[in-house]
Amino acid sequence: MGIEKKTLGVTKTHKLGKIAGKSYYVTLPIEFIRHLDWKDGQKVDITLKGKELVIKDWKK
């Protein structure tokens, strides 16, 4: 499934949510998830680089 060219490179703004006072979450746009071919329950790596978060597919 491909991502529409008009969506590629477009920044989407979402709010942070809080879970049980200890963790935060952010929802990701479905078209991004489909483009990356990610599935529900899939493991991802989250890295802090300066003031940015990088989310990548988890590799063994």
PDB file of N, CA and C in Angstrom:
ATOM      1  N   MET A   1       0.833  -1.174   0.000  1.00  0.00           N
ATOM      2  CA  MET A   1       0.000   0.000   0.000  1.00  0.00           C
ATOM      3  C   MET A   1       0.883   1.244   0.000  1.00  0.00           C
ATOM      4  N   GLY A   2       0.723   2.146  -0.934  1.00  0.00           N
ATOM      5  CA  GLY A   2       1.571   3.327  -1.019  1.00  0.00           C
ATOM      6  C   GLY A   2       0.954   4.535  -0.333  1.00  0.00           C
ATOM      7  N   ILE A   3       1.795   5.432   0.043  1.00  0.00           N
ATOM      8  CA  ILE A   3       1.337   6.678   0.655  1.00  0.00           C
ATOM      9  C   ILE A   3       1.127   7.685  -0.473  1.00  0.00           C
ATOM     10  N   GLU A   4       0.099   8.500  -0.343  1.00  0.00           N
ATOM     11  CA  GLU A   4      -0.153   9.498  -1.369  1.00  0.00           C
ATOM     12  C   GLU A   4       0.985  10.504  -1.382  1.00  0.00           C
ATOM     13  N   LYS A   5       1.412  10.934  -2.579  1.00  0.00           N
ATOM     14  CA  LYS A   5       2.518  11.878  -2.686  1.00  0.00           C
ATOM     15  C   LYS A   5       2.214  13.174  -1.949  1.00  0.00           C
ATOM     16  N   LYS A   6       0.953  13.595  -1.907  1.00  0.00           N
ATOM     17  CA  LYS A   6       0.627  14.848  -1.229  1.00  0.00           C
ATOM     18  C   LYS A   6       0.792  14.725   0.289  1.00  0.00           C
ATOM     19  N   THR A   7       0.821  13.516   0.825  1.00  0.00           N
ATOM     20  CA  THR A   7       0.988  13.297   2.262  1.00  0.00           C
ATOM     21  C   THR A   7       2.450  13.090   2.628  1.00  0.00           C
ATOM     22  N   LEU A   8       3.260  12.598   1.706  1.00  0.00           N
ATOM     23  CA  LEU A   8       4.664  12.326   1.970  1.00  0.00           C
ATOM     24  C   LEU A   8       5.404  13.629   2.272  1.00  0.00           C
ATOM     25  N   GLY A   9       6.069  13.666   3.407  1.00  0.00           N
ATOM     26  CA  GLY A   9       6.802  14.860   3.816  1.00  0.00           C
ATOM     27  C   GLY A   9       5.966  15.892   4.543  1.00  0.00           C
ATOM     28  N   VAL A  10       4.658  15.647   4.653  1.00  0.00           N
ATOM     29  CA  VAL A  10       3.777  16.572   5.354  1.00  0.00           C
ATOM     30  C   VAL A  10       3.875  16.309   6.851  1.00  0.00           C
ATOM     31  N   THR A  11       4.006  17.388   7.627  1.00  0.00           N
ATOM     32  CA  THR A  11       4.054  17.265   9.077  1.00  0.00           C
ATOM     33  C   THR A  11       2.639  17.250   9.625  1.00  0.00           C
ATOM     34  N   LYS A  12       2.352  16.301  10.483  1.00  0.00           N
ATOM     35  CA  LYS A  12       1.050  16.205  11.151  1.00  0.00           C
ATOM     36  C   LYS A  12       1.253  16.579  12.611  1.00  0.00           C
ATOM     37  N   THR A  13       0.342  17.341  13.172  1.00  0.00           N
ATOM     38  CA  THR A  13       0.445  17.753  14.571  1.00  0.00           C
ATOM     39  C   THR A  13      -0.538  16.951  15.408  1.00  0.00           C
ATOM     40  N   HIS A  14      -0.029  16.332  16.478  1.00  0.00           N
ATOM     41  CA  HIS A  14      -0.840  15.535  17.389  1.00  0.00           C
ATOM     42  C   HIS A  14      -0.527  15.934  18.820  1.00  0.00           C
ATOM     43  N   LYS A  15      -1.452  15.688  19.730  1.00  0.00           N
ATOM     44  CA  LYS A  15      -1.243  16.004  21.144  1.00  0.00           C
ATOM     45  C   LYS A  15      -0.662  14.805  21.879  1.00  0.00           C
ATOM     46  N   LEU A  16       0.115  15.092  22.914  1.00  0.00           N
ATOM     47  CA  LEU A  16       0.588  14.044  23.811  1.00  0.00           C
ATOM     48  C   LEU A  16      -0.511  13.702  24.794  1.00  0.00           C
ATOM     49  N   GLY A  17      -0.623  12.445  25.158  1.00  0.00           N
ATOM     50  CA  GLY A  17      -1.537  11.992  26.201  1.00  0.00           C
ATOM     51  C   GLY A  17      -0.724  11.381  27.324  1.00  0.00           C
ATOM     52  N   LYS A  18      -1.315  11.307  28.503  1.00  0.00           N
ATOM     53  CA  LYS A  18      -0.607  10.769  29.656  1.00  0.00           C
ATOM     54  C   LYS A  18      -1.295   9.495  30.123  1.00  0.00           C
ATOM     55  N   ILE A  19      -0.485   8.481  30.488  1.00  0.00           N
ATOM     56  CA  ILE A  19      -0.999   7.207  30.973  1.00  0.00           C
ATOM     57  C   ILE A  19      -0.518   7.010  32.404  1.00  0.00           C
ATOM     58  N   ALA A  20      -1.430   6.917  33.346  1.00  0.00           N
ATOM     59  CA  ALA A  20      -1.138   6.575  34.741  1.00  0.00           C
ATOM     60  C   ALA A  20      -0.039   7.427  35.368  1.00  0.00           C
ATOM     61  N   GLY A  21       0.140   8.644  34.889  1.00  0.00           N
ATOM     62  CA  GLY A  21       1.088   9.562  35.500  1.00  0.00           C
ATOM     63  C   GLY A  21       2.550   9.263  35.278  1.00  0.00           C
ATOM     64  N   LYS A  22       2.889   8.184  34.558  1.00  0.00           N
ATOM     65  CA  LYS A  22       4.296   7.812  34.391  1.00  0.00           C
ATOM     66  C   LYS A  22       4.761   7.770  32.944  1.00  0.00           C
ATOM     67  N   SER A  23       3.863   7.612  32.002  1.00  0.00           N
ATOM     68  CA  SER A  23       4.235   7.500  30.592  1.00  0.00           C
ATOM     69  C   SER A  23       3.355   8.422  29.756  1.00  0.00           C
ATOM     70  N   TYR A  24       3.867   8.740  28.577  1.00  0.00           N
ATOM     71  CA  TYR A  24       3.118   9.539  27.613  1.00  0.00           C
ATOM     72  C   TYR A  24       2.936   8.739  26.339  1.00  0.00           C
ATOM     73  N   TYR A  25       1.936   9.114  25.546  1.00  0.00           N
ATOM     74  CA  TYR A  25       1.720   8.484  24.250  1.00  0.00           C
ATOM     75  C   TYR A  25       1.375   9.548  23.218  1.00  0.00           C
ATOM     76  N   VAL A  26       1.585   9.222  21.968  1.00  0.00           N
ATOM     77  CA  VAL A  26       1.158  10.052  20.853  1.00  0.00           C
ATOM     78  C   VAL A  26       0.629   9.103  19.782  1.00  0.00           C
ATOM     79  N   THR A  27      -0.466   9.467  19.158  1.00  0.00           N
ATOM     80  CA  THR A  27      -0.992   8.622  18.085  1.00  0.00           C
ATOM     81  C   THR A  27      -0.266   8.971  16.785  1.00  0.00           C
ATOM     82  N   LEU A  28      -0.100   7.981  15.946  1.00  0.00           N
ATOM     83  CA  LEU A  28       0.574   8.166  14.664  1.00  0.00           C
ATOM     84  C   LEU A  28      -0.442   8.072  13.537  1.00  0.00           C
ATOM     85  N   PRO A  29      -0.311   8.909  12.520  1.00  0.00           N
ATOM     86  CA  PRO A  29      -1.260   8.870  11.393  1.00  0.00           C
ATOM     87  C   PRO A  29      -1.252   7.503  10.707  1.00  0.00           C
ATOM     88  N   ILE A  30      -2.421   6.979  10.440  1.00  0.00           N
ATOM     89  CA  ILE A  30      -2.577   5.658   9.835  1.00  0.00           C
ATOM     90  C   ILE A  30      -1.872   5.558   8.488  1.00  0.00           C
ATOM     91  N   GLU A  31      -1.859   6.644   7.711  1.00  0.00           N
ATOM     92  CA  GLU A  31      -1.203   6.575   6.400  1.00  0.00           C
ATOM     93  C   GLU A  31       0.310   6.401   6.551  1.00  0.00           C
ATOM     94  N   PHE A  32       0.896   6.926   7.629  1.00  0.00           N
ATOM     95  CA  PHE A  32       2.322   6.725   7.877  1.00  0.00           C
ATOM     96  C   PHE A  32       2.587   5.256   8.225  1.00  0.00           C
ATOM     97  N   ILE A  33       1.755   4.694   9.080  1.00  0.00           N
ATOM     98  CA  ILE A  33       1.906   3.302   9.512  1.00  0.00           C
ATOM     99  C   ILE A  33       1.741   2.362   8.319  1.00  0.00           C
ATOM    100  N   ARG A  34       0.767   2.624   7.490  1.00  0.00           N
ATOM    101  CA  ARG A  34       0.551   1.788   6.300  1.00  0.00           C
ATOM    102  C   ARG A  34       1.723   1.894   5.336  1.00  0.00           C
ATOM    103  N   HIS A  35       2.241   3.099   5.148  1.00  0.00           N
ATOM    104  CA  HIS A  35       3.379   3.305   4.250  1.00  0.00           C
ATOM    105  C   HIS A  35       4.594   2.515   4.725  1.00  0.00           C
ATOM    106  N   LEU A  36       4.813   2.473   6.036  1.00  0.00           N
ATOM    107  CA  LEU A  36       5.943   1.741   6.611  1.00  0.00           C
ATOM    108  C   LEU A  36       5.669   0.249   6.736  1.00  0.00           C
ATOM    109  N   ASP A  37       4.424  -0.159   6.464  1.00  0.00           N
ATOM    110  CA  ASP A  37       3.986  -1.552   6.568  1.00  0.00           C
ATOM    111  C   ASP A  37       4.176  -2.088   7.987  1.00  0.00           C
ATOM    112  N   TRP A  38       3.900  -1.234   8.986  1.00  0.00           N
ATOM    113  CA  TRP A  38       3.970  -1.635  10.386  1.00  0.00           C
ATOM    114  C   TRP A  38       2.650  -2.262  10.786  1.00  0.00           C
ATOM    115  N   LYS A  39       2.714  -3.161  11.763  1.00  0.00           N
ATOM    116  CA  LYS A  39       1.535  -3.896  12.225  1.00  0.00           C
ATOM    117  C   LYS A  39       1.275  -3.629  13.704  1.00  0.00           C
ATOM    118  N   ASP A  40       0.065  -3.873  14.149  1.00  0.00           N
ATOM    119  CA  ASP A  40      -0.309  -3.738  15.551  1.00  0.00           C
ATOM    120  C   ASP A  40       0.563  -4.662  16.401  1.00  0.00           C
ATOM    121  N   GLY A  41       1.121  -4.133  17.480  1.00  0.00           N
ATOM    122  CA  GLY A  41       1.952  -4.925  18.371  1.00  0.00           C
ATOM    123  C   GLY A  41       3.412  -5.019  17.955  1.00  0.00           C
ATOM    124  N   GLN A  42       3.763  -4.415  16.828  1.00  0.00           N
ATOM    125  CA  GLN A  42       5.133  -4.462  16.333  1.00  0.00           C
ATOM    126  C   GLN A  42       6.068  -3.700  17.273  1.00  0.00           C
ATOM    127  N   LYS A  43       7.285  -4.208  17.444  1.00  0.00           N
ATOM    128  CA  LYS A  43       8.290  -3.524  18.260  1.00  0.00           C
ATOM    129  C   LYS A  43       8.948  -2.423  17.443  1.00  0.00           C
ATOM    130  N   VAL A  44       9.215  -1.280  18.100  1.00  0.00           N
ATOM    131  CA  VAL A  44       9.932  -0.177  17.468  1.00  0.00           C
ATOM    132  C   VAL A  44      11.012   0.323  18.412  1.00  0.00           C
ATOM    133  N   ASP A  45      12.069   0.886  17.852  1.00  0.00           N
ATOM    134  CA  ASP A  45      13.112   1.542  18.628  1.00  0.00           C
ATOM    135  C   ASP A  45      12.818   3.031  18.656  1.00  0.00           C
ATOM    136  N   ILE A  46      12.951   3.642  19.826  1.00  0.00           N
ATOM    137  CA  ILE A  46      12.757   5.077  19.978  1.00  0.00           C
ATOM    138  C   ILE A  46      14.053   5.660  20.515  1.00  0.00           C
ATOM    139  N   THR A  47      14.627   6.611  19.782  1.00  0.00           N
ATOM    140  CA  THR A  47      15.907   7.204  20.138  1.00  0.00           C
ATOM    141  C   THR A  47      15.744   8.710  20.297  1.00  0.00           C
ATOM    142  N   LEU A  48      16.359   9.258  21.331  1.00  0.00           N
ATOM    143  CA  LEU A  48      16.382  10.703  21.536  1.00  0.00           C
ATOM    144  C   LEU A  48      17.653  11.247  20.898  1.00  0.00           C
ATOM    145  N   LYS A  49      17.492  12.130  19.904  1.00  0.00           N
ATOM    146  CA  LYS A  49      18.631  12.762  19.229  1.00  0.00           C
ATOM    147  C   LYS A  49      18.461  14.266  19.370  1.00  0.00           C
ATOM    148  N   GLY A  50      19.180  14.839  20.328  1.00  0.00           N
ATOM    149  CA  GLY A  50      19.037  16.271  20.595  1.00  0.00           C
ATOM    150  C   GLY A  50      17.632  16.549  21.100  1.00  0.00           C
ATOM    151  N   LYS A  51      16.883  17.334  20.352  1.00  0.00           N
ATOM    152  CA  LYS A  51      15.509  17.683  20.723  1.00  0.00           C
ATOM    153  C   LYS A  51      14.482  16.939  19.871  1.00  0.00           C
ATOM    154  N   GLU A  52      14.906  15.851  19.215  1.00  0.00           N
ATOM    155  CA  GLU A  52      14.008  15.082  18.356  1.00  0.00           C
ATOM    156  C   GLU A  52      13.942  13.625  18.795  1.00  0.00           C
ATOM    157  N   LEU A  53      12.779  13.010  18.569  1.00  0.00           N
ATOM    158  CA  LEU A  53      12.616  11.571  18.768  1.00  0.00           C
ATOM    159  C   LEU A  53      12.643  10.908  17.400  1.00  0.00           C
ATOM    160  N   VAL A  54      13.355   9.803  17.307  1.00  0.00           N
ATOM    161  CA  VAL A  54      13.407   9.029  16.074  1.00  0.00           C
ATOM    162  C   VAL A  54      12.782   7.673  16.375  1.00  0.00           C
ATOM    163  N   ILE A  55      11.757   7.292  15.596  1.00  0.00           N
ATOM    164  CA  ILE A  55      11.073   6.008  15.782  1.00  0.00           C
ATOM    165  C   ILE A  55      11.377   5.150  14.559  1.00  0.00           C
ATOM    166  N   LYS A  56      12.001   3.982  14.809  1.00  0.00           N
ATOM    167  CA  LYS A  56      12.374   3.082  13.712  1.00  0.00           C
ATOM    168  C   LYS A  56      11.906   1.668  14.032  1.00  0.00           C
ATOM    169  N   ASP A  57      11.757   0.893  12.975  1.00  0.00           N
ATOM    170  CA  ASP A  57      11.433  -0.524  13.120  1.00  0.00           C
ATOM    171  C   ASP A  57      12.516  -1.185  13.957  1.00  0.00           C
ATOM    172  N   TRP A  58      12.131  -2.040  14.884  1.00  0.00           N
ATOM    173  CA  TRP A  58      13.067  -2.747  15.755  1.00  0.00           C
ATOM    174  C   TRP A  58      13.748  -3.843  14.955  1.00  0.00           C
ATOM    175  N   LYS A  59      15.049  -3.911  15.080  1.00  0.00           N
ATOM    176  CA  LYS A  59      15.827  -4.974  14.439  1.00  0.00           C
ATOM    177  C   LYS A  59      16.551  -5.757  15.530  1.00  0.00           C
ATOM    178  N   LYS A  60      16.569  -7.084  15.409  1.00  0.00           N
ATOM    179  CA  LYS A  60      17.259  -7.928  16.388  1.00  0.00           C
ATOM    180  C   LYS A  60      18.730  -7.618  16.415  1.00  0.00           C
TER     181      LYS A  60
END
